[in-house]
Amino acid sequence: MDCTLIGAPLQIGAGQLGCEMGPSALRIAGLRSALEDLGHRVSDVGNLSSRAFDEIEHPNSAVHHLGETVAWIEAISASAYEHSQHSMPIFLGGDHAISAGTVAGLAKRAADKNRPLFVLWLDAHTDFHTLETTASGNLHGTPVAYYTGRAGFEGYFPPLSNAVPSENVCMIGIRSVDPAELKALSVSAVTVHDMRAIDEHGVAVLLREFLEKVRAADGLLHVSFDVDFLEPEIAPAVGTTVPGGATFREAHLIMEMLHDSGLVSSLDVVELNPFLDERGKTAKLLVDLVSSLMGKRVMDRPTLAG
């Protein structure tokens, strides 16, 4: 497969600085060589940058860095549209606000191909706030609401050429939802599997159901992977840790099932904050997980000495 690595060092959507170092950490941890070892052809176009921007005021005084975020969404969306034409784009975040751009661009490309876009959202949070409902003002909590076409972004975020139908979004690993998000989700068609659902049914059952839906629709599948999807003990390098996340084994199972499906056409890896990591522990785990998504099996893994 032809893969394109694209750095999106956006960090102002989060409340804690450090995510801008995420793309470098993933590169240093050996992401490109890991993919090449699996036989993929990999190009790295470096890090994106945004245009010059003006500050934008919003009636919700909590919202911050709105003008800068809008400029980043425009740049990321254009890149996603461009690089999804002939390759699998892999976006290296950056905080989860990048997905407002990645999914918007990918949805436009999917429309060009006359195929529906589906999104698998692996995250502790639903990120279903609008500019009006966010209490923190951290815009990494808004991308799903934006790309599914919820009201509340008009006149601020870039207009969507193609919204993703909410029924095409599946969230797995959810365990932190604000009241405003919960209310909005209760009347949406987004599929939300929290950690209790995983505990009760197992992650394989939940994921298989969604993959069958994507396949039946001949859809393109975008995977957006937030570090806080994982249990903090195995992935500490994130500023939004929530206890009780996915285990090492559950995460690898998801990635291997995604590979087996042959449906994944694009990927985000977001919220990696190397400033909070332990000797590159989280970055190395993420490279390992992306490798599983791209074809590496557990049985292929060398036995570690000691």
C-alpha atoms as a PDB file:
ATOM      1  CA  MET A   1       0.000   0.000   0.000  1.00  0.00           C
ATOM      2  CA  ASP A   2       1.076   3.576  -0.625  1.00  0.00           C
ATOM      3  CA  CYS A   3       1.024   5.505   2.657  1.00  0.00           C
ATOM      4  CA  THR A   4       1.599   9.204   3.261  1.00  0.00           C
ATOM      5  CA  LEU A   5       2.683  10.463   6.665  1.00  0.00           C
ATOM      6  CA  ILE A   6       1.436  13.977   7.391  1.00  0.00           C
ATOM      7  CA  GLY A   7       2.347  15.862  10.535  1.00  0.00           C
ATOM      8  CA  ALA A   8      -0.354  18.104  11.991  1.00  0.00           C
ATOM      9  CA  PRO A   9       1.297  19.720  15.045  1.00  0.00           C
ATOM     10  CA  LEU A  10      -1.786  21.527  16.288  1.00  0.00           C
ATOM     11  CA  GLN A  11      -1.833  21.896  20.059  1.00  0.00           C
ATOM     12  CA  ILE A  12      -4.010  24.909  20.826  1.00  0.00           C
ATOM     13  CA  GLY A  13      -7.195  22.841  20.713  1.00  0.00           C
ATOM     14  CA  ALA A  14      -6.169  21.139  23.955  1.00  0.00           C
ATOM     15  CA  GLY A  15      -5.802  22.512  27.434  1.00  0.00           C
ATOM     16  CA  GLN A  16      -2.218  21.379  27.934  1.00  0.00           C
ATOM     17  CA  LEU A  17       0.671  22.178  25.619  1.00  0.00           C
ATOM     18  CA  GLY A  18       2.957  19.521  24.189  1.00  0.00           C
ATOM     19  CA  CYS A  19       0.973  17.850  21.398  1.00  0.00           C
ATOM     20  CA  GLU A  20       2.900  19.763  18.761  1.00  0.00           C
ATOM     21  CA  MET A  21       5.785  17.390  19.525  1.00  0.00           C
ATOM     22  CA  GLY A  22       3.618  14.354  18.759  1.00  0.00           C
ATOM     23  CA  PRO A  23       4.533  14.008  15.061  1.00  0.00           C
ATOM     24  CA  SER A  24       8.254  14.127  15.860  1.00  0.00           C
ATOM     25  CA  ALA A  25       7.886  11.528  18.607  1.00  0.00           C
ATOM     26  CA  LEU A  26       6.108   9.120  16.268  1.00  0.00           C
ATOM     27  CA  ARG A  27       8.780   9.594  13.640  1.00  0.00           C
ATOM     28  CA  ILE A  28      11.600   9.099  16.179  1.00  0.00           C
ATOM     29  CA  ALA A  29       9.853   5.963  17.453  1.00  0.00           C
ATOM     30  CA  GLY A  30      10.265   4.486  13.972  1.00  0.00           C
ATOM     31  CA  LEU A  31       6.838   4.688  12.373  1.00  0.00           C
ATOM     32  CA  ARG A  32       8.092   4.977   8.805  1.00  0.00           C
ATOM     33  CA  SER A  33      10.564   2.103   9.043  1.00  0.00           C
ATOM     34  CA  ALA A  34       7.952  -0.070  10.789  1.00  0.00           C
ATOM     35  CA  LEU A  35       5.564   0.419   7.871  1.00  0.00           C
ATOM     36  CA  GLU A  36       8.296  -0.111   5.282  1.00  0.00           C
ATOM     37  CA  ASP A  37       9.302  -3.343   7.003  1.00  0.00           C
ATOM     38  CA  LEU A  38       5.754  -4.534   6.352  1.00  0.00           C
ATOM     39  CA  GLY A  39       6.204  -3.898   2.642  1.00  0.00           C
ATOM     40  CA  HIS A  40       4.358  -0.593   2.369  1.00  0.00           C
ATOM     41  CA  ARG A  41       5.618   2.289   0.262  1.00  0.00           C
ATOM     42  CA  VAL A  42       5.829   5.285   2.574  1.00  0.00           C
ATOM     43  CA  SER A  43       6.298   8.967   1.847  1.00  0.00           C
ATOM     44  CA  ASP A  44       6.572  11.610   4.547  1.00  0.00           C
ATOM     45  CA  VAL A  45       5.502  15.095   3.478  1.00  0.00           C
ATOM     46  CA  GLY A  46       6.620  16.650   6.751  1.00  0.00           C
ATOM     47  CA  ASN A  47       4.521  18.884   8.966  1.00  0.00           C
ATOM     48  CA  LEU A  48       1.694  21.091   7.801  1.00  0.00           C
ATOM     49  CA  SER A  49       1.474  24.730   8.772  1.00  0.00           C
ATOM     50  CA  SER A  50      -1.467  27.102   8.775  1.00  0.00           C
ATOM     51  CA  ARG A  51      -1.990  30.356   6.929  1.00  0.00           C
ATOM     52  CA  ALA A  52      -1.799  33.713   8.651  1.00  0.00           C
ATOM     53  CA  PHE A  53      -4.933  34.186  10.704  1.00  0.00           C
ATOM     54  CA  ASP A  54      -6.928  36.820  12.547  1.00  0.00           C
ATOM     55  CA  GLU A  55      -8.376  36.328  15.990  1.00  0.00           C
ATOM     56  CA  ILE A  56     -12.083  35.514  15.917  1.00  0.00           C
ATOM     57  CA  GLU A  57     -14.352  36.358  18.815  1.00  0.00           C
ATOM     58  CA  HIS A  58     -17.248  34.106  19.788  1.00  0.00           C
ATOM     59  CA  PRO A  59     -20.208  34.805  22.100  1.00  0.00           C
ATOM     60  CA  ASN A  60     -19.053  31.887  24.234  1.00  0.00           C
ATOM     61  CA  SER A  61     -16.185  33.590  26.030  1.00  0.00           C
ATOM     62  CA  ALA A  62     -14.619  30.239  26.960  1.00  0.00           C
ATOM     63  CA  VAL A  63     -13.718  29.523  23.322  1.00  0.00           C
ATOM     64  CA  HIS A  64     -10.053  30.270  22.658  1.00  0.00           C
ATOM     65  CA  HIS A  65      -7.696  30.200  19.666  1.00  0.00           C
ATOM     66  CA  LEU A  66     -10.686  30.111  17.317  1.00  0.00           C
ATOM     67  CA  GLY A  67      -9.035  31.964  14.438  1.00  0.00           C
ATOM     68  CA  GLU A  68      -5.917  29.814  14.607  1.00  0.00           C
ATOM     69  CA  THR A  69      -7.960  26.614  14.778  1.00  0.00           C
ATOM     70  CA  VAL A  70      -9.984  27.610  11.719  1.00  0.00           C
ATOM     71  CA  ALA A  71      -6.773  28.218   9.765  1.00  0.00           C
ATOM     72  CA  TRP A  72      -5.478  24.780  10.766  1.00  0.00           C
ATOM     73  CA  ILE A  73      -8.746  23.079   9.809  1.00  0.00           C
ATOM     74  CA  GLU A  74      -8.516  24.609   6.349  1.00  0.00           C
ATOM     75  CA  ALA A  75      -4.927  23.426   5.854  1.00  0.00           C
ATOM     76  CA  ILE A  76      -5.562  19.924   7.194  1.00  0.00           C
ATOM     77  CA  SER A  77      -8.761  19.486   5.203  1.00  0.00           C
ATOM     78  CA  ALA A  78      -6.998  20.449   1.974  1.00  0.00           C
ATOM     79  CA  SER A  79      -4.171  18.023   2.738  1.00  0.00           C
ATOM     80  CA  ALA A  80      -6.569  15.174   3.547  1.00  0.00           C
ATOM     81  CA  TYR A  81      -8.406  15.728   0.293  1.00  0.00           C
ATOM     82  CA  GLU A  82      -5.181  15.879  -1.714  1.00  0.00           C
ATOM     83  CA  HIS A  83      -3.373  12.896  -0.249  1.00  0.00           C
ATOM     84  CA  SER A  84      -6.384  10.585  -0.117  1.00  0.00           C
ATOM     85  CA  GLN A  85      -6.623  10.528  -3.904  1.00  0.00           C
ATOM     86  CA  HIS A  86      -3.828   8.007  -4.480  1.00  0.00           C
ATOM     87  CA  SER A  87      -2.586   6.911  -1.049  1.00  0.00           C
ATOM     88  CA  MET A  88      -3.592   6.166   2.520  1.00  0.00           C
ATOM     89  CA  PRO A  89      -3.008   9.350   4.524  1.00  0.00           C
ATOM     90  CA  ILE A  90      -1.821   8.854   8.096  1.00  0.00           C
ATOM     91  CA  PHE A  91      -2.105  12.050  10.107  1.00  0.00           C
ATOM     92  CA  LEU A  92       0.242  12.454  13.041  1.00  0.00           C
ATOM     93  CA  GLY A  93      -1.228  14.763  15.664  1.00  0.00           C
ATOM     94  CA  GLY A  94      -1.456  17.132  17.266  1.00  0.00           C
ATOM     95  CA  ASP A  95      -4.583  17.290  19.365  1.00  0.00           C
ATOM     96  CA  HIS A  96      -7.934  15.884  18.291  1.00  0.00           C
ATOM     97  CA  ALA A  97      -9.052  19.171  16.765  1.00  0.00           C
ATOM     98  CA  ILE A  98      -7.118  18.031  13.671  1.00  0.00           C
ATOM     99  CA  SER A  99      -9.959  15.617  12.935  1.00  0.00           C
ATOM    100  CA  ALA A 100     -12.258  18.509  12.135  1.00  0.00           C
ATOM    101  CA  GLY A 101      -9.984  18.978   9.137  1.00  0.00           C
ATOM    102  CA  THR A 102      -9.050  15.399   8.296  1.00  0.00           C
ATOM    103  CA  VAL A 103     -12.618  14.101   8.238  1.00  0.00           C
ATOM    104  CA  ALA A 104     -13.918  17.123   6.341  1.00  0.00           C
ATOM    105  CA  GLY A 105     -11.343  16.600   3.590  1.00  0.00           C
ATOM    106  CA  LEU A 106     -11.833  12.840   3.496  1.00  0.00           C
ATOM    107  CA  ALA A 107     -15.618  13.207   3.264  1.00  0.00           C
ATOM    108  CA  LYS A 108     -15.153  15.419   0.217  1.00  0.00           C
ATOM    109  CA  ARG A 109     -12.892  12.804  -1.377  1.00  0.00           C
ATOM    110  CA  ALA A 110     -15.367  10.026  -0.582  1.00  0.00           C
ATOM    111  CA  ALA A 111     -18.115  12.025  -2.288  1.00  0.00           C
ATOM    112  CA  ASP A 112     -15.912  12.333  -5.377  1.00  0.00           C
ATOM    113  CA  LYS A 113     -15.653   8.539  -5.402  1.00  0.00           C
ATOM    114  CA  ASN A 114     -19.408   8.212  -4.844  1.00  0.00           C
ATOM    115  CA  ARG A 115     -18.781   6.186  -1.696  1.00  0.00           C
ATOM    116  CA  PRO A 116     -19.936   6.910   1.873  1.00  0.00           C
ATOM    117  CA  LEU A 117     -17.368   7.757   4.537  1.00  0.00           C
ATOM    118  CA  PHE A 118     -17.534   6.006   7.904  1.00  0.00           C
ATOM    119  CA  VAL A 119     -15.573   7.025  11.001  1.00  0.00           C
ATOM    120  CA  LEU A 120     -14.373   4.764  13.821  1.00  0.00           C
ATOM    121  CA  TRP A 121     -13.728   7.030  16.800  1.00  0.00           C
ATOM    122  CA  LEU A 122     -11.414   5.377  19.352  1.00  0.00           C
ATOM    123  CA  ASP A 123     -11.415   7.774  22.269  1.00  0.00           C
ATOM    124  CA  ALA A 124     -12.306   8.239  25.918  1.00  0.00           C
ATOM    125  CA  HIS A 125     -14.356  11.294  24.899  1.00  0.00           C
ATOM    126  CA  THR A 126     -17.116  11.849  22.372  1.00  0.00           C
ATOM    127  CA  ASP A 127     -15.879  15.309  21.271  1.00  0.00           C
ATOM    128  CA  PHE A 128     -19.484  16.215  20.481  1.00  0.00           C
ATOM    129  CA  HIS A 129     -19.519  19.788  21.773  1.00  0.00           C
ATOM    130  CA  THR A 130     -20.358  22.754  19.582  1.00  0.00           C
ATOM    131  CA  LEU A 131     -18.800  26.190  19.946  1.00  0.00           C
ATOM    132  CA  GLU A 132     -21.853  27.141  21.949  1.00  0.00           C
ATOM    133  CA  THR A 133     -21.840  24.238  24.413  1.00  0.00           C
ATOM    134  CA  THR A 134     -18.158  23.829  25.258  1.00  0.00           C
ATOM    135  CA  ALA A 135     -17.462  24.961  28.816  1.00  0.00           C
ATOM    136  CA  SER A 136     -13.688  24.573  28.621  1.00  0.00           C
ATOM    137  CA  GLY A 137     -13.353  26.271  25.245  1.00  0.00           C
ATOM    138  CA  ASN A 138     -10.868  23.566  24.211  1.00  0.00           C
ATOM    139  CA  LEU A 139     -11.731  22.933  20.590  1.00  0.00           C
ATOM    140  CA  HIS A 140     -10.387  19.374  20.557  1.00  0.00           C
ATOM    141  CA  GLY A 141     -13.797  18.627  22.079  1.00  0.00           C
ATOM    142  CA  THR A 142     -15.732  19.715  18.967  1.00  0.00           C
ATOM    143  CA  PRO A 143     -14.637  17.795  15.826  1.00  0.00           C
ATOM    144  CA  VAL A 144     -17.361  15.109  15.753  1.00  0.00           C
ATOM    145  CA  ALA A 145     -20.113  17.679  16.198  1.00  0.00           C
ATOM    146  CA  TYR A 146     -18.584  19.706  13.368  1.00  0.00           C
ATOM    147  CA  TYR A 147     -18.019  17.022  10.755  1.00  0.00           C
ATOM    148  CA  THR A 148     -21.451  15.461  11.340  1.00  0.00           C
ATOM    149  CA  GLY A 149     -23.021  18.807  10.533  1.00  0.00           C
ATOM    150  CA  ARG A 150     -24.402  19.853  13.916  1.00  0.00           C
ATOM    151  CA  ALA A 151     -25.551  23.465  14.160  1.00  0.00           C
ATOM    152  CA  GLY A 152     -23.363  25.893  16.068  1.00  0.00           C
ATOM    153  CA  PHE A 153     -20.356  26.268  13.761  1.00  0.00           C
ATOM    154  CA  GLU A 154     -21.865  28.439  11.030  1.00  0.00           C
ATOM    155  CA  GLY A 155     -19.910  31.597  10.343  1.00  0.00           C
ATOM    156  CA  TYR A 156     -16.892  30.333  12.288  1.00  0.00           C
ATOM    157  CA  PHE A 157     -15.564  26.933  11.164  1.00  0.00           C
ATOM    158  CA  PRO A 158     -15.153  26.415   7.399  1.00  0.00           C
ATOM    159  CA  PRO A 159     -18.384  25.424   5.623  1.00  0.00           C
ATOM    160  CA  LEU A 160     -18.635  21.650   5.102  1.00  0.00           C
ATOM    161  CA  SER A 161     -18.936  20.448   1.526  1.00  0.00           C
ATOM    162  CA  ASN A 162     -19.944  16.993   2.747  1.00  0.00           C
ATOM    163  CA  ALA A 163     -21.016  16.196   6.288  1.00  0.00           C
ATOM    164  CA  VAL A 164     -20.636  12.654   7.582  1.00  0.00           C
ATOM    165  CA  PRO A 165     -24.046  11.184   8.447  1.00  0.00           C
ATOM    166  CA  SER A 166     -24.147  10.609  12.188  1.00  0.00           C
ATOM    167  CA  GLU A 167     -25.223   7.009  11.639  1.00  0.00           C
ATOM    168  CA  ASN A 168     -21.846   6.442   9.937  1.00  0.00           C
ATOM    169  CA  VAL A 169     -19.920   7.207  13.134  1.00  0.00           C
ATOM    170  CA  CYS A 170     -19.062   4.544  15.703  1.00  0.00           C
ATOM    171  CA  MET A 171     -17.361   5.440  18.985  1.00  0.00           C
ATOM    172  CA  ILE A 172     -15.592   2.811  21.072  1.00  0.00           C
ATOM    173  CA  GLY A 173     -13.943   3.265  24.467  1.00  0.00           C
ATOM    174  CA  ILE A 174     -16.050   6.195  25.671  1.00  0.00           C
ATOM    175  CA  ARG A 175     -15.909   6.881  29.404  1.00  0.00           C
ATOM    176  CA  SER A 176     -16.042  10.672  29.835  1.00  0.00           C
ATOM    177  CA  VAL A 177     -19.048  12.572  28.466  1.00  0.00           C
ATOM    178  CA  ASP A 178     -20.237  16.039  29.471  1.00  0.00           C
ATOM    179  CA  PRO A 179     -23.983  16.611  30.092  1.00  0.00           C
ATOM    180  CA  ALA A 180     -24.415  18.753  26.964  1.00  0.00           C
ATOM    181  CA  GLU A 181     -22.790  16.066  24.823  1.00  0.00           C
ATOM    182  CA  LEU A 182     -24.896  13.342  26.411  1.00  0.00           C
ATOM    183  CA  LYS A 183     -28.069  15.263  25.648  1.00  0.00           C
ATOM    184  CA  ALA A 184     -27.059  15.801  22.015  1.00  0.00           C
ATOM    185  CA  LEU A 185     -25.970  12.195  21.538  1.00  0.00           C
ATOM    186  CA  SER A 186     -29.271  10.915  22.930  1.00  0.00           C
ATOM    187  CA  VAL A 187     -31.076  12.312  19.877  1.00  0.00           C
ATOM    188  CA  SER A 188     -28.347  11.513  17.329  1.00  0.00           C
ATOM    189  CA  ALA A 189     -27.710   8.349  15.342  1.00  0.00           C
ATOM    190  CA  VAL A 190     -24.064   8.072  16.438  1.00  0.00           C
ATOM    191  CA  THR A 191     -23.236   4.604  17.777  1.00  0.00           C
ATOM    192  CA  VAL A 192     -21.564   4.938  21.184  1.00  0.00           C
ATOM    193  CA  HIS A 193     -19.934   1.958  22.891  1.00  0.00           C
ATOM    194  CA  ASP A 194     -18.622   2.874  26.318  1.00  0.00           C
ATOM    195  CA  MET A 195     -16.238   0.755  28.361  1.00  0.00           C
ATOM    196  CA  ARG A 196     -19.162  -1.004  30.036  1.00  0.00           C
ATOM    197  CA  ALA A 197     -20.290  -2.252  26.614  1.00  0.00           C
ATOM    198  CA  ILE A 198     -16.778  -3.569  26.008  1.00  0.00           C
ATOM    199  CA  ASP A 199     -16.783  -5.283  29.387  1.00  0.00           C
ATOM    200  CA  GLU A 200     -20.188  -6.851  28.759  1.00  0.00           C
ATOM    201  CA  HIS A 201     -19.860  -7.902  25.129  1.00  0.00           C
ATOM    202  CA  GLY A 202     -16.171  -7.787  24.219  1.00  0.00           C
ATOM    203  CA  VAL A 203     -14.654  -5.380  21.765  1.00  0.00           C
ATOM    204  CA  ALA A 204     -14.630  -7.872  18.875  1.00  0.00           C
ATOM    205  CA  VAL A 205     -18.417  -8.182  18.789  1.00  0.00           C
ATOM    206  CA  LEU A 206     -18.920  -4.420  18.790  1.00  0.00           C
ATOM    207  CA  LEU A 207     -16.325  -3.727  16.120  1.00  0.00           C
ATOM    208  CA  ARG A 208     -17.415  -6.587  13.865  1.00  0.00           C
ATOM    209  CA  GLU A 209     -20.954  -5.218  13.762  1.00  0.00           C
ATOM    210  CA  PHE A 210     -19.714  -1.819  12.602  1.00  0.00           C
ATOM    211  CA  LEU A 211     -17.321  -3.269  10.025  1.00  0.00           C
ATOM    212  CA  GLU A 212     -20.152  -5.295   8.514  1.00  0.00           C
ATOM    213  CA  LYS A 213     -22.136  -2.087   8.161  1.00  0.00           C
ATOM    214  CA  VAL A 214     -19.224  -0.357   6.393  1.00  0.00           C
ATOM    215  CA  ARG A 215     -18.730  -3.315   4.054  1.00  0.00           C
ATOM    216  CA  ALA A 216     -22.428  -3.547   3.182  1.00  0.00           C
ATOM    217  CA  ALA A 217     -22.394   0.111   2.152  1.00  0.00           C
ATOM    218  CA  ASP A 218     -19.114  -0.192   0.188  1.00  0.00           C
ATOM    219  CA  GLY A 219     -17.842   2.551   2.428  1.00  0.00           C
ATOM    220  CA  LEU A 220     -14.463   4.114   3.071  1.00  0.00           C
ATOM    221  CA  LEU A 221     -13.354   3.865   6.695  1.00  0.00           C
ATOM    222  CA  HIS A 222     -11.425   6.516   8.573  1.00  0.00           C
ATOM    223  CA  VAL A 223      -9.979   5.539  11.953  1.00  0.00           C
ATOM    224  CA  SER A 224      -9.320   8.307  14.468  1.00  0.00           C
ATOM    225  CA  PHE A 225      -7.204   7.024  17.353  1.00  0.00           C
ATOM    226  CA  ASP A 226      -6.806   9.138  20.475  1.00  0.00           C
ATOM    227  CA  VAL A 227      -4.107   8.122  22.950  1.00  0.00           C
ATOM    228  CA  ASP A 228      -6.582   8.452  25.817  1.00  0.00           C
ATOM    229  CA  PHE A 229      -8.543   5.539  24.343  1.00  0.00           C
ATOM    230  CA  LEU A 230      -5.889   3.430  26.061  1.00  0.00           C
ATOM    231  CA  GLU A 231      -5.461   2.622  29.735  1.00  0.00           C
ATOM    232  CA  PRO A 232      -3.222   5.390  31.177  1.00  0.00           C
ATOM    233  CA  GLU A 233      -0.859   2.854  32.750  1.00  0.00           C
ATOM    234  CA  ILE A 234       0.246   1.659  29.315  1.00  0.00           C
ATOM    235  CA  ALA A 235      -0.041   5.041  27.564  1.00  0.00           C
ATOM    236  CA  PRO A 236       0.696   7.915  29.959  1.00  0.00           C
ATOM    237  CA  ALA A 237       1.631  10.519  27.338  1.00  0.00           C
ATOM    238  CA  VAL A 238      -1.696  12.317  27.071  1.00  0.00           C
ATOM    239  CA  GLY A 239      -3.047  15.363  28.851  1.00  0.00           C
ATOM    240  CA  THR A 240      -6.594  13.974  29.156  1.00  0.00           C
ATOM    241  CA  THR A 241      -6.058  10.642  30.893  1.00  0.00           C
ATOM    242  CA  VAL A 242      -9.195   8.807  32.011  1.00  0.00           C
ATOM    243  CA  PRO A 243      -8.801   5.587  34.039  1.00  0.00           C
ATOM    244  CA  GLY A 244     -10.291   2.358  32.759  1.00  0.00           C
ATOM    245  CA  GLY A 245      -9.260   2.487  29.114  1.00  0.00           C
ATOM    246  CA  ALA A 246      -8.568  -0.200  26.566  1.00  0.00           C
ATOM    247  CA  THR A 247      -5.884  -2.729  27.420  1.00  0.00           C
ATOM    248  CA  PHE A 248      -2.865  -3.608  25.319  1.00  0.00           C
ATOM    249  CA  ARG A 249      -4.595  -6.777  24.141  1.00  0.00           C
ATOM    250  CA  GLU A 250      -7.905  -5.083  23.321  1.00  0.00           C
ATOM    251  CA  ALA A 251      -6.155  -2.346  21.334  1.00  0.00           C
ATOM    252  CA  HIS A 252      -4.124  -4.817  19.295  1.00  0.00           C
ATOM    253  CA  LEU A 253      -7.212  -6.928  18.624  1.00  0.00           C
ATOM    254  CA  ILE A 254      -9.011  -3.888  17.257  1.00  0.00           C
ATOM    255  CA  MET A 255      -6.072  -3.039  15.014  1.00  0.00           C
ATOM    256  CA  GLU A 256      -5.716  -6.580  13.709  1.00  0.00           C
ATOM    257  CA  MET A 257      -9.451  -6.794  12.995  1.00  0.00           C
ATOM    258  CA  LEU A 258      -9.279  -3.499  11.127  1.00  0.00           C
ATOM    259  CA  HIS A 259      -6.435  -4.842   9.013  1.00  0.00           C
ATOM    260  CA  ASP A 260      -8.292  -8.067   8.312  1.00  0.00           C
ATOM    261  CA  SER A 261     -11.325  -6.096   7.159  1.00  0.00           C
ATOM    262  CA  GLY A 262      -9.393  -4.366   4.379  1.00  0.00           C
ATOM    263  CA  LEU A 263     -11.680  -1.355   4.811  1.00  0.00           C
ATOM    264  CA  VAL A 264      -9.424   1.273   6.390  1.00  0.00           C
ATOM    265  CA  SER A 265      -8.521   4.065   3.992  1.00  0.00           C
ATOM    266  CA  SER A 266      -7.107   6.707   6.364  1.00  0.00           C
ATOM    267  CA  LEU A 267      -5.923   7.193   9.933  1.00  0.00           C
ATOM    268  CA  ASP A 268      -5.437   9.852  12.622  1.00  0.00           C
ATOM    269  CA  VAL A 269      -3.137   9.298  15.599  1.00  0.00           C
ATOM    270  CA  VAL A 270      -3.759  12.147  18.018  1.00  0.00           C
ATOM    271  CA  GLU A 271      -3.154  13.642  21.459  1.00  0.00           C
ATOM    272  CA  LEU A 272       0.335  12.190  21.925  1.00  0.00           C
ATOM    273  CA  ASN A 273       2.127  14.551  24.306  1.00  0.00           C
ATOM    274  CA  PRO A 274       5.781  13.413  24.543  1.00  0.00           C
ATOM    275  CA  PHE A 275       6.356  15.875  27.384  1.00  0.00           C
ATOM    276  CA  LEU A 276       4.253  13.543  29.541  1.00  0.00           C
ATOM    277  CA  ASP A 277       5.750  10.269  28.297  1.00  0.00           C
ATOM    278  CA  GLU A 278       8.067   7.808  30.052  1.00  0.00           C
ATOM    279  CA  ARG A 279      11.177   7.231  27.904  1.00  0.00           C
ATOM    280  CA  GLY A 280       9.120   7.097  24.708  1.00  0.00           C
ATOM    281  CA  LYS A 281       6.840   4.360  26.056  1.00  0.00           C
ATOM    282  CA  THR A 282       3.612   5.692  24.543  1.00  0.00           C
ATOM    283  CA  ALA A 283       5.113   6.650  21.194  1.00  0.00           C
ATOM    284  CA  LYS A 284       6.573   3.156  20.782  1.00  0.00           C
ATOM    285  CA  LEU A 285       3.233   1.570  21.669  1.00  0.00           C
ATOM    286  CA  LEU A 286       1.464   3.712  19.083  1.00  0.00           C
ATOM    287  CA  VAL A 287       3.926   2.659  16.398  1.00  0.00           C
ATOM    288  CA  ASP A 288       3.279  -0.942  17.397  1.00  0.00           C
ATOM    289  CA  LEU A 289      -0.486  -0.438  17.162  1.00  0.00           C
ATOM    290  CA  VAL A 290      -0.307   1.279  13.779  1.00  0.00           C
ATOM    291  CA  SER A 291       1.868  -1.617  12.610  1.00  0.00           C
ATOM    292  CA  SER A 292      -0.884  -4.034  13.662  1.00  0.00           C
ATOM    293  CA  LEU A 293      -3.399  -1.990  11.717  1.00  0.00           C
ATOM    294  CA  MET A 294      -1.115  -2.210   8.702  1.00  0.00           C
ATOM    295  CA  GLY A 295      -0.591  -5.954   8.852  1.00  0.00           C
ATOM    296  CA  LYS A 296       1.750  -6.948  11.640  1.00  0.00           C
ATOM    297  CA  ARG A 297       0.537  -9.943  13.656  1.00  0.00           C
ATOM    298  CA  VAL A 298       1.180 -10.734  17.291  1.00  0.00           C
ATOM    299  CA  MET A 299       2.832 -13.965  16.189  1.00  0.00           C
ATOM    300  CA  ASP A 300       5.279 -11.920  14.097  1.00  0.00           C
ATOM    301  CA  ARG A 301       6.592 -10.089  17.129  1.00  0.00           C
ATOM    302  CA  PRO A 302      10.120 -10.950  18.250  1.00  0.00           C
ATOM    303  CA  THR A 303      10.519 -12.203  21.816  1.00  0.00           C
ATOM    304  CA  LEU A 304      12.148  -9.519  23.906  1.00  0.00           C
ATOM    305  CA  ALA A 305      15.212 -10.460  25.923  1.00  0.00           C
ATOM    306  CA  GLY A 306      14.934 -10.269  29.700  1.00  0.00           C
END
